[in-house]
């Protein structure tokens, strides 16, 4: 996982960038699930959306480039 990104002279932590991306992907996938009618299967919709966020964040952290490891 990258440590920080500089945008316009402001250093932003890498986890903040990944969490923002995960939030965007959660919103998109939640809209897709709603349009397909799959959200009706969940008893507690906010818990399902939290689970989606955790899954997206985990995937993004797992597959983010790691500049600290040289192969």
Protein backbone atom coordinates (compact mmCIF):
# COMPACT_ATOMS: atom_id res chain seq x y z
CA UNK A 1 0.00 0.00 0.00
CA UNK A 2 1.33 3.42 -0.84
CA UNK A 3 2.07 5.69 2.08
CA UNK A 4 0.96 9.10 0.84
CA UNK A 5 0.04 11.05 -2.27
CA UNK A 6 0.77 14.72 -2.80
CA UNK A 7 -2.05 16.64 -4.49
CA UNK A 8 -1.39 20.33 -5.03
CA UNK A 9 1.26 20.40 -2.33
CA UNK A 10 -0.98 18.73 0.24
CA UNK A 11 0.12 15.28 1.41
CA UNK A 12 -2.81 12.90 1.81
CA UNK A 13 -2.51 9.51 3.52
CA UNK A 14 -2.86 6.53 1.23
CA UNK A 15 -5.53 4.94 3.40
CA UNK A 16 -7.70 8.07 3.04
CA UNK A 17 -7.49 7.78 -0.75
CA UNK A 18 -8.34 4.08 -0.62
CA UNK A 19 -11.24 4.65 1.79
CA UNK A 20 -12.64 7.38 -0.47
CA UNK A 21 -12.40 5.05 -3.45
CA UNK A 22 -14.08 2.28 -1.46
CA UNK A 23 -16.89 4.66 -0.49
CA UNK A 24 -17.45 5.56 -4.14
CA UNK A 25 -17.45 1.88 -5.17
CA UNK A 26 -19.84 1.06 -2.31
CA UNK A 27 -22.27 3.69 -3.51
CA UNK A 28 -22.13 2.41 -7.07
CA UNK A 29 -22.53 -1.23 -6.10
CA UNK A 30 -25.35 -0.36 -3.70
CA UNK A 31 -27.23 1.39 -6.50
CA UNK A 32 -26.67 -1.62 -8.73
CA UNK A 33 -27.98 -3.99 -6.07
CA UNK A 34 -31.01 -1.75 -5.53
CA UNK A 35 -31.81 -1.59 -9.24
CA UNK A 36 -31.56 -5.38 -9.51
CA UNK A 37 -33.79 -5.82 -6.44
CA UNK A 38 -31.20 -7.75 -4.45
CA UNK A 39 -31.37 -5.38 -1.45
CA UNK A 40 -34.78 -6.83 -0.61
CA UNK A 41 -33.02 -10.03 0.49
CA UNK A 42 -31.14 -8.30 3.31
CA UNK A 43 -32.85 -7.79 6.67
CA UNK A 44 -30.74 -4.77 7.63
CA UNK A 45 -29.69 -2.65 4.65
CA UNK A 46 -27.14 -0.39 6.43
CA UNK A 47 -25.30 -3.47 7.69
CA UNK A 48 -25.16 -4.84 4.15
CA UNK A 49 -23.74 -1.52 2.91
CA UNK A 50 -21.14 -1.50 5.69
CA UNK A 51 -20.17 -5.01 4.63
CA UNK A 52 -19.79 -3.84 1.03
CA UNK A 53 -17.56 -0.98 2.17
CA UNK A 54 -15.34 -3.31 4.20
CA UNK A 55 -15.07 -5.73 1.28
CA UNK A 56 -14.17 -2.99 -1.22
CA UNK A 57 -11.64 -1.45 1.17
CA UNK A 58 -10.06 -4.83 1.81
CA UNK A 59 -9.76 -5.51 -1.91
CA UNK A 60 -8.27 -2.09 -2.60
CA UNK A 61 -5.73 -2.42 0.21
CA UNK A 62 -4.82 -5.93 -0.90
CA UNK A 63 -4.20 -5.00 -4.52
CA UNK A 64 -2.73 -1.51 -4.03
CA UNK A 65 0.87 -1.15 -5.19
CA UNK A 66 3.50 -1.48 -2.49
CA UNK A 67 6.57 0.64 -3.28
CA UNK A 68 8.41 -0.55 -0.16
CA UNK A 69 8.95 -4.09 -1.43
CA UNK A 70 11.49 -4.63 -4.18
CA UNK A 71 11.30 -7.85 -6.15
